[in-house]
């Protein structure tokens, strides 16, 4: 049974990482389109794809947490989830809600920074993210 769980863990982790990078890549592309004012942002597929990717990302993350029996949530995972909420808010400003191209660009850069924090928190398994590497 442990071998099956380990096999699923590796697959789920790899899929989660792939979905995270796909989410980031598509976010950056949409942010660029938003900054440039292109109308492709109104295309149905551009509006649907992020929901599919992000739903898969969340489902895979929850599956990993269940397999690893992360309850109560470790501090690094709680910090990552909090950062995810901030990333989502910044993303909506970058793509939809920012009134000026400068505001959208700043929000996009901040969102990518928050993504980097989440990546560091996951890799370092610390709410200090990349700073944990120093200590």
C-alpha atoms as a PDB file:
ATOM      1  CA  UNK A   1       0.000   0.000   0.000  1.00  0.00           C
ATOM      2  CA  UNK A   2       2.845   2.424   0.788  1.00  0.00           C
ATOM      3  CA  UNK A   3       4.374   1.809  -2.658  1.00  0.00           C
ATOM      4  CA  UNK A   4       1.054   2.717  -4.285  1.00  0.00           C
ATOM      5  CA  UNK A   5       0.790   5.904  -2.203  1.00  0.00           C
ATOM      6  CA  UNK A   6       4.399   6.803  -3.049  1.00  0.00           C
ATOM      7  CA  UNK A   7       3.739   6.183  -6.750  1.00  0.00           C
ATOM      8  CA  UNK A   8       0.648   8.391  -6.657  1.00  0.00           C
ATOM      9  CA  UNK A   9       2.488  11.025  -4.652  1.00  0.00           C
ATOM     10  CA  UNK A  10       5.189  11.422  -7.302  1.00  0.00           C
ATOM     11  CA  UNK A  11       2.625  11.592 -10.114  1.00  0.00           C
ATOM     12  CA  UNK A  12       0.413  14.078  -8.247  1.00  0.00           C
ATOM     13  CA  UNK A  13       3.398  16.210  -7.268  1.00  0.00           C
ATOM     14  CA  UNK A  14       4.690  16.305 -10.852  1.00  0.00           C
ATOM     15  CA  UNK A  15       1.228  17.191 -12.176  1.00  0.00           C
ATOM     16  CA  UNK A  16       0.835  19.873  -9.479  1.00  0.00           C
ATOM     17  CA  UNK A  17       4.180  21.434 -10.409  1.00  0.00           C
ATOM     18  CA  UNK A  18       3.293  21.314 -14.120  1.00  0.00           C
ATOM     19  CA  UNK A  19      -0.077  22.940 -13.458  1.00  0.00           C
ATOM     20  CA  UNK A  20       1.582  25.643 -11.330  1.00  0.00           C
ATOM     21  CA  UNK A  21       4.002  26.569 -14.104  1.00  0.00           C
ATOM     22  CA  UNK A  22       1.215  26.441 -16.704  1.00  0.00           C
ATOM     23  CA  UNK A  23      -0.854  28.738 -14.516  1.00  0.00           C
ATOM     24  CA  UNK A  24       2.033  31.184 -14.153  1.00  0.00           C
ATOM     25  CA  UNK A  25       2.869  31.118 -17.883  1.00  0.00           C
ATOM     26  CA  UNK A  26      -0.725  31.740 -18.907  1.00  0.00           C
ATOM     27  CA  UNK A  27      -1.072  34.472 -16.273  1.00  0.00           C
ATOM     28  CA  UNK A  28       2.012  36.273 -17.610  1.00  0.00           C
ATOM     29  CA  UNK A  29       0.689  35.992 -21.157  1.00  0.00           C
ATOM     30  CA  UNK A  30      -2.700  37.390 -20.151  1.00  0.00           C
ATOM     31  CA  UNK A  31      -1.030  40.170 -18.144  1.00  0.00           C
ATOM     32  CA  UNK A  32       0.977  41.164 -21.216  1.00  0.00           C
ATOM     33  CA  UNK A  33      -2.195  41.151 -23.309  1.00  0.00           C
ATOM     34  CA  UNK A  34      -3.915  43.277 -20.661  1.00  0.00           C
ATOM     35  CA  UNK A  35      -1.023  45.722 -20.569  1.00  0.00           C
ATOM     36  CA  UNK A  36      -1.043  45.983 -24.373  1.00  0.00           C
ATOM     37  CA  UNK A  37      -4.827  46.337 -24.501  1.00  0.00           C
ATOM     38  CA  UNK A  38      -5.292  43.462 -26.938  1.00  0.00           C
ATOM     39  CA  UNK A  39      -8.811  42.157 -27.473  1.00  0.00           C
ATOM     40  CA  UNK A  40      -7.790  38.486 -27.307  1.00  0.00           C
ATOM     41  CA  UNK A  41      -8.516  38.692 -23.564  1.00  0.00           C
ATOM     42  CA  UNK A  42     -12.205  38.676 -24.479  1.00  0.00           C
ATOM     43  CA  UNK A  43     -11.948  35.344 -26.321  1.00  0.00           C
ATOM     44  CA  UNK A  44     -13.891  32.559 -24.625  1.00  0.00           C
ATOM     45  CA  UNK A  45     -10.923  30.168 -24.524  1.00  0.00           C
ATOM     46  CA  UNK A  46      -8.770  32.793 -22.795  1.00  0.00           C
ATOM     47  CA  UNK A  47     -11.402  33.131 -20.094  1.00  0.00           C
ATOM     48  CA  UNK A  48     -11.963  29.371 -19.661  1.00  0.00           C
ATOM     49  CA  UNK A  49      -8.404  27.948 -19.736  1.00  0.00           C
ATOM     50  CA  UNK A  50      -7.231  29.614 -16.492  1.00  0.00           C
ATOM     51  CA  UNK A  51     -10.180  28.118 -14.611  1.00  0.00           C
ATOM     52  CA  UNK A  52      -9.367  24.639 -15.910  1.00  0.00           C
ATOM     53  CA  UNK A  53      -5.669  24.954 -15.050  1.00  0.00           C
ATOM     54  CA  UNK A  54      -6.290  26.485 -11.625  1.00  0.00           C
ATOM     55  CA  UNK A  55      -8.994  23.953 -10.718  1.00  0.00           C
ATOM     56  CA  UNK A  56      -6.571  21.147 -11.576  1.00  0.00           C
ATOM     57  CA  UNK A  57      -3.842  22.910  -9.586  1.00  0.00           C
ATOM     58  CA  UNK A  58      -6.055  23.219  -6.508  1.00  0.00           C
ATOM     59  CA  UNK A  59      -7.404  19.653  -6.777  1.00  0.00           C
ATOM     60  CA  UNK A  60      -3.880  18.278  -7.087  1.00  0.00           C
ATOM     61  CA  UNK A  61      -2.706  20.369  -4.127  1.00  0.00           C
ATOM     62  CA  UNK A  62      -5.568  19.144  -1.952  1.00  0.00           C
ATOM     63  CA  UNK A  63      -4.866  15.562  -3.047  1.00  0.00           C
ATOM     64  CA  UNK A  64      -1.230  15.926  -2.041  1.00  0.00           C
ATOM     65  CA  UNK A  65      -2.206  17.360   1.339  1.00  0.00           C
ATOM     66  CA  UNK A  66      -4.558  14.413   1.923  1.00  0.00           C
ATOM     67  CA  UNK A  67      -1.967  11.812   0.873  1.00  0.00           C
ATOM     68  CA  UNK A  68       0.630  13.435   3.142  1.00  0.00           C
ATOM     69  CA  UNK A  69      -1.909  13.747   5.972  1.00  0.00           C
ATOM     70  CA  UNK A  70      -1.281  17.474   6.357  1.00  0.00           C
ATOM     71  CA  UNK A  71      -3.682  18.200   9.181  1.00  0.00           C
ATOM     72  CA  UNK A  72      -3.326  20.457  10.960  1.00  0.00           C
ATOM     73  CA  UNK A  73      -1.723  22.349   8.120  1.00  0.00           C
ATOM     74  CA  UNK A  74       1.988  22.991   8.519  1.00  0.00           C
ATOM     75  CA  UNK A  75       2.985  26.655   8.814  1.00  0.00           C
ATOM     76  CA  UNK A  76       4.601  26.693   5.345  1.00  0.00           C
ATOM     77  CA  UNK A  77       1.420  25.387   3.713  1.00  0.00           C
ATOM     78  CA  UNK A  78      -0.775  27.882   5.580  1.00  0.00           C
ATOM     79  CA  UNK A  79       1.557  30.669   4.420  1.00  0.00           C
ATOM     80  CA  UNK A  80       1.414  29.342   0.853  1.00  0.00           C
ATOM     81  CA  UNK A  81      -2.397  29.305   0.896  1.00  0.00           C
ATOM     82  CA  UNK A  82      -2.462  32.858   2.268  1.00  0.00           C
ATOM     83  CA  UNK A  83      -0.056  33.909  -0.479  1.00  0.00           C
ATOM     84  CA  UNK A  84      -2.315  32.209  -3.031  1.00  0.00           C
ATOM     85  CA  UNK A  85      -5.186  34.496  -2.020  1.00  0.00           C
ATOM     86  CA  UNK A  86      -2.898  37.533  -2.423  1.00  0.00           C
ATOM     87  CA  UNK A  87      -1.728  36.186  -5.813  1.00  0.00           C
ATOM     88  CA  UNK A  88      -5.346  35.858  -6.976  1.00  0.00           C
ATOM     89  CA  UNK A  89      -6.218  39.411  -5.883  1.00  0.00           C
ATOM     90  CA  UNK A  90      -3.120  40.838  -7.577  1.00  0.00           C
ATOM     91  CA  UNK A  91      -3.918  38.786 -10.667  1.00  0.00           C
ATOM     92  CA  UNK A  92      -7.390  40.282 -10.971  1.00  0.00           C
ATOM     93  CA  UNK A  93      -5.889  43.765 -10.701  1.00  0.00           C
ATOM     94  CA  UNK A  94      -3.257  42.902 -13.312  1.00  0.00           C
ATOM     95  CA  UNK A  95      -5.718  41.513 -15.835  1.00  0.00           C
ATOM     96  CA  UNK A  96      -9.104  43.114 -15.169  1.00  0.00           C
ATOM     97  CA  UNK A  97      -9.401  45.614 -12.385  1.00  0.00           C
ATOM     98  CA  UNK A  98      -6.327  47.804 -12.849  1.00  0.00           C
ATOM     99  CA  UNK A  99      -7.447  51.105 -14.315  1.00  0.00           C
ATOM    100  CA  UNK A 100      -4.185  52.042 -16.000  1.00  0.00           C
ATOM    101  CA  UNK A 101      -1.531  50.012 -17.814  1.00  0.00           C
ATOM    102  CA  UNK A 102       0.978  51.050 -15.126  1.00  0.00           C
ATOM    103  CA  UNK A 103      -1.273  49.754 -12.339  1.00  0.00           C
ATOM    104  CA  UNK A 104      -1.841  46.493 -14.209  1.00  0.00           C
ATOM    105  CA  UNK A 105       1.897  46.098 -14.830  1.00  0.00           C
ATOM    106  CA  UNK A 106       2.800  46.726 -11.170  1.00  0.00           C
ATOM    107  CA  UNK A 107       0.159  44.239 -10.029  1.00  0.00           C
ATOM    108  CA  UNK A 108       1.456  41.657 -12.506  1.00  0.00           C
ATOM    109  CA  UNK A 109       5.036  42.045 -11.276  1.00  0.00           C
ATOM    110  CA  UNK A 110       3.850  41.800  -7.660  1.00  0.00           C
ATOM    111  CA  UNK A 111       1.798  38.687  -8.490  1.00  0.00           C
ATOM    112  CA  UNK A 112       4.833  37.010 -10.067  1.00  0.00           C
ATOM    113  CA  UNK A 113       6.795  37.909  -6.926  1.00  0.00           C
ATOM    114  CA  UNK A 114       4.118  36.286  -4.767  1.00  0.00           C
ATOM    115  CA  UNK A 115       4.261  33.211  -7.010  1.00  0.00           C
ATOM    116  CA  UNK A 116       8.017  33.114  -6.373  1.00  0.00           C
ATOM    117  CA  UNK A 117       7.322  33.271  -2.633  1.00  0.00           C
ATOM    118  CA  UNK A 118       4.879  30.344  -2.912  1.00  0.00           C
ATOM    119  CA  UNK A 119       7.436  28.343  -4.872  1.00  0.00           C
ATOM    120  CA  UNK A 120      10.070  29.012  -2.231  1.00  0.00           C
ATOM    121  CA  UNK A 121       7.697  28.120   0.605  1.00  0.00           C
ATOM    122  CA  UNK A 122       6.923  24.799  -1.077  1.00  0.00           C
ATOM    123  CA  UNK A 123      10.536  23.940  -1.878  1.00  0.00           C
ATOM    124  CA  UNK A 124      11.938  25.054   1.475  1.00  0.00           C
ATOM    125  CA  UNK A 125       8.871  23.876   3.410  1.00  0.00           C
ATOM    126  CA  UNK A 126       9.078  27.069   5.408  1.00  0.00           C
ATOM    127  CA  UNK A 127       6.940  30.218   5.654  1.00  0.00           C
ATOM    128  CA  UNK A 128      10.244  32.093   5.288  1.00  0.00           C
ATOM    129  CA  UNK A 129      10.274  30.844   1.689  1.00  0.00           C
ATOM    130  CA  UNK A 130      13.659  31.393   0.042  1.00  0.00           C
ATOM    131  CA  UNK A 131      15.010  33.113   3.164  1.00  0.00           C
ATOM    132  CA  UNK A 132      14.949  29.745   4.932  1.00  0.00           C
ATOM    133  CA  UNK A 133      17.826  28.747   2.663  1.00  0.00           C
ATOM    134  CA  UNK A 134      20.029  31.277   4.429  1.00  0.00           C
ATOM    135  CA  UNK A 135      19.458  29.834   7.861  1.00  0.00           C
END
